[in-house]
Amino acid sequence: MVNLDELYRNLEGKEQEIAVVYASATGRNITNLSEGERFRLEAEVGELIEEAEEALIDDEMVEEWRARDERLAATPIGRLILERHEIEEKILDELEDQN
């Protein structure tokens, strides 16, 4: 049985990794951001993740899923988003198993 606390920590860590890569890709150094800038960055990353999740959910055909995965996997942020998605799926599976 997988530990939910560990999965949630992994999810949070993956989101932090995405934020670092995204900040770098947009010309920002995450360690030098003010609180307001960090808040905006987190909001942008949240939107990016949400858009990717919606796209993954909307692609119902296996071929479309595979094509989307290949496109996402071709970029560092895309790979991290896919890894985050996998962690989120594990959390959902674990929650379902508990009920």
C-alpha atoms as a PDB file:
ATOM      1  CA  MET A   1       0.000   0.000   0.000  1.00  0.00           C
ATOM      2  CA  VAL A   2       1.333   3.395  -0.996  1.00  0.00           C
ATOM      3  CA  ASN A   3       1.601   6.125   1.612  1.00  0.00           C
ATOM      4  CA  LEU A   4      -0.691   9.019   0.669  1.00  0.00           C
ATOM      5  CA  ASP A   5       1.428  11.528   2.595  1.00  0.00           C
ATOM      6  CA  GLU A   6       4.443  10.511   0.541  1.00  0.00           C
ATOM      7  CA  LEU A   7       2.480  10.819  -2.701  1.00  0.00           C
ATOM      8  CA  TYR A   8       1.282  14.301  -1.735  1.00  0.00           C
ATOM      9  CA  ARG A   9       4.886  15.303  -0.914  1.00  0.00           C
ATOM     10  CA  ASN A  10       5.980  13.929  -4.293  1.00  0.00           C
ATOM     11  CA  LEU A  11       3.213  15.909  -6.001  1.00  0.00           C
ATOM     12  CA  GLU A  12       4.261  19.119  -4.249  1.00  0.00           C
ATOM     13  CA  GLY A  13       7.912  18.468  -5.108  1.00  0.00           C
ATOM     14  CA  LYS A  14       7.046  17.905  -8.753  1.00  0.00           C
ATOM     15  CA  GLU A  15       5.107  21.167  -8.837  1.00  0.00           C
ATOM     16  CA  GLN A  16       8.155  22.946  -7.397  1.00  0.00           C
ATOM     17  CA  GLU A  17      10.333  21.376 -10.110  1.00  0.00           C
ATOM     18  CA  ILE A  18       7.894  22.608 -12.749  1.00  0.00           C
ATOM     19  CA  ALA A  19       8.015  26.112 -11.235  1.00  0.00           C
ATOM     20  CA  VAL A  20      11.832  26.173 -11.356  1.00  0.00           C
ATOM     21  CA  VAL A  21      11.945  25.042 -14.993  1.00  0.00           C
ATOM     22  CA  TYR A  22       9.131  27.407 -15.982  1.00  0.00           C
ATOM     23  CA  ALA A  23      10.780  30.348 -14.210  1.00  0.00           C
ATOM     24  CA  SER A  24      14.032  29.649 -16.012  1.00  0.00           C
ATOM     25  CA  ALA A  25      12.256  29.276 -19.358  1.00  0.00           C
ATOM     26  CA  THR A  26      10.610  32.669 -18.841  1.00  0.00           C
ATOM     27  CA  GLY A  27      13.854  34.390 -17.837  1.00  0.00           C
ATOM     28  CA  ARG A  28      13.282  34.479 -14.086  1.00  0.00           C
ATOM     29  CA  ASN A  29      15.522  33.224 -11.303  1.00  0.00           C
ATOM     30  CA  ILE A  30      13.187  31.646  -8.782  1.00  0.00           C
ATOM     31  CA  THR A  31      15.538  32.317  -5.861  1.00  0.00           C
ATOM     32  CA  ASN A  32      15.492  36.076  -6.529  1.00  0.00           C
ATOM     33  CA  LEU A  33      11.734  36.530  -6.812  1.00  0.00           C
ATOM     34  CA  SER A  34       9.809  38.726  -4.409  1.00  0.00           C
ATOM     35  CA  GLU A  35       6.805  37.273  -2.629  1.00  0.00           C
ATOM     36  CA  GLY A  36       4.462  38.880  -5.172  1.00  0.00           C
ATOM     37  CA  GLU A  37       6.511  37.617  -8.118  1.00  0.00           C
ATOM     38  CA  ARG A  38       6.595  34.124  -6.628  1.00  0.00           C
ATOM     39  CA  PHE A  39       2.813  34.235  -6.164  1.00  0.00           C
ATOM     40  CA  ARG A  40       2.365  35.230  -9.842  1.00  0.00           C
ATOM     41  CA  LEU A  41       4.766  32.479 -10.915  1.00  0.00           C
ATOM     42  CA  GLU A  42       2.826  29.889  -8.908  1.00  0.00           C
ATOM     43  CA  ALA A  43      -0.422  31.110 -10.491  1.00  0.00           C
ATOM     44  CA  GLU A  44       1.101  30.829 -13.987  1.00  0.00           C
ATOM     45  CA  VAL A  45       2.393  27.330 -13.239  1.00  0.00           C
ATOM     46  CA  GLY A  46      -1.016  26.355 -11.852  1.00  0.00           C
ATOM     47  CA  GLU A  47      -2.657  27.525 -15.076  1.00  0.00           C
ATOM     48  CA  LEU A  48      -0.078  25.651 -17.148  1.00  0.00           C
ATOM     49  CA  ILE A  49      -0.711  22.441 -15.203  1.00  0.00           C
ATOM     50  CA  GLU A  50      -4.479  22.904 -15.413  1.00  0.00           C
ATOM     51  CA  GLU A  51      -4.340  23.413 -19.187  1.00  0.00           C
ATOM     52  CA  ALA A  52      -2.193  20.305 -19.604  1.00  0.00           C
ATOM     53  CA  GLU A  53      -4.502  18.250 -17.366  1.00  0.00           C
ATOM     54  CA  GLU A  54      -7.564  19.407 -19.309  1.00  0.00           C
ATOM     55  CA  ALA A  55      -5.867  18.509 -22.571  1.00  0.00           C
ATOM     56  CA  LEU A  56      -4.984  15.064 -21.234  1.00  0.00           C
ATOM     57  CA  ILE A  57      -8.576  14.504 -20.102  1.00  0.00           C
ATOM     58  CA  ASP A  58     -10.080  15.814 -23.361  1.00  0.00           C
ATOM     59  CA  ASP A  59      -8.044  13.439 -25.523  1.00  0.00           C
ATOM     60  CA  GLU A  60     -10.114  10.312 -25.130  1.00  0.00           C
ATOM     61  CA  MET A  61      -8.798   8.224 -28.010  1.00  0.00           C
ATOM     62  CA  VAL A  62      -5.691   6.128 -27.347  1.00  0.00           C
ATOM     63  CA  GLU A  63      -3.898   7.541 -30.398  1.00  0.00           C
ATOM     64  CA  GLU A  64      -4.555  11.102 -29.236  1.00  0.00           C
ATOM     65  CA  TRP A  65      -3.264  10.283 -25.748  1.00  0.00           C
ATOM     66  CA  ARG A  66      -0.124   8.756 -27.204  1.00  0.00           C
ATOM     67  CA  ALA A  67       0.466  11.748 -29.506  1.00  0.00           C
ATOM     68  CA  ARG A  68      -0.078  14.198 -26.639  1.00  0.00           C
ATOM     69  CA  ASP A  69       2.291  12.240 -24.377  1.00  0.00           C
ATOM     70  CA  GLU A  70       4.962  12.240 -27.085  1.00  0.00           C
ATOM     71  CA  ARG A  71       4.610  16.006 -27.626  1.00  0.00           C
ATOM     72  CA  LEU A  72       4.736  16.739 -23.894  1.00  0.00           C
ATOM     73  CA  ALA A  73       7.639  14.365 -23.329  1.00  0.00           C
ATOM     74  CA  ALA A  74       9.668  16.296 -25.896  1.00  0.00           C
ATOM     75  CA  THR A  75      10.052  19.271 -23.510  1.00  0.00           C
ATOM     76  CA  PRO A  76      11.453  19.488 -19.965  1.00  0.00           C
ATOM     77  CA  ILE A  77       8.268  21.098 -18.615  1.00  0.00           C
ATOM     78  CA  GLY A  78       6.151  18.571 -20.490  1.00  0.00           C
ATOM     79  CA  ARG A  79       8.050  15.658 -18.967  1.00  0.00           C
ATOM     80  CA  LEU A  80       7.580  17.109 -15.489  1.00  0.00           C
ATOM     81  CA  ILE A  81       3.874  17.674 -16.117  1.00  0.00           C
ATOM     82  CA  LEU A  82       3.505  14.051 -17.246  1.00  0.00           C
ATOM     83  CA  GLU A  83       5.361  12.869 -14.126  1.00  0.00           C
ATOM     84  CA  ARG A  84       3.073  15.054 -12.003  1.00  0.00           C
ATOM     85  CA  HIS A  85       0.043  13.590 -13.768  1.00  0.00           C
ATOM     86  CA  GLU A  86       1.265  10.067 -12.957  1.00  0.00           C
ATOM     87  CA  ILE A  87       1.650  10.967  -9.273  1.00  0.00           C
ATOM     88  CA  GLU A  88      -1.830  12.479  -9.259  1.00  0.00           C
ATOM     89  CA  GLU A  89      -3.224   9.283 -10.815  1.00  0.00           C
ATOM     90  CA  LYS A  90      -1.546   7.230  -8.068  1.00  0.00           C
ATOM     91  CA  ILE A  91      -3.149   9.458  -5.440  1.00  0.00           C
ATOM     92  CA  LEU A  92      -6.577   9.028  -7.027  1.00  0.00           C
ATOM     93  CA  ASP A  93      -6.079   5.251  -7.245  1.00  0.00           C
ATOM     94  CA  GLU A  94      -5.036   5.103  -3.601  1.00  0.00           C
ATOM     95  CA  LEU A  95      -8.026   7.183  -2.501  1.00  0.00           C
ATOM     96  CA  GLU A  96     -10.327   4.939  -4.517  1.00  0.00           C
ATOM     97  CA  ASP A  97      -8.795   1.819  -2.941  1.00  0.00           C
ATOM     98  CA  GLN A  98      -9.419   3.247   0.526  1.00  0.00           C
ATOM     99  CA  ASN A  99     -13.128   3.712  -0.138  1.00  0.00           C
END
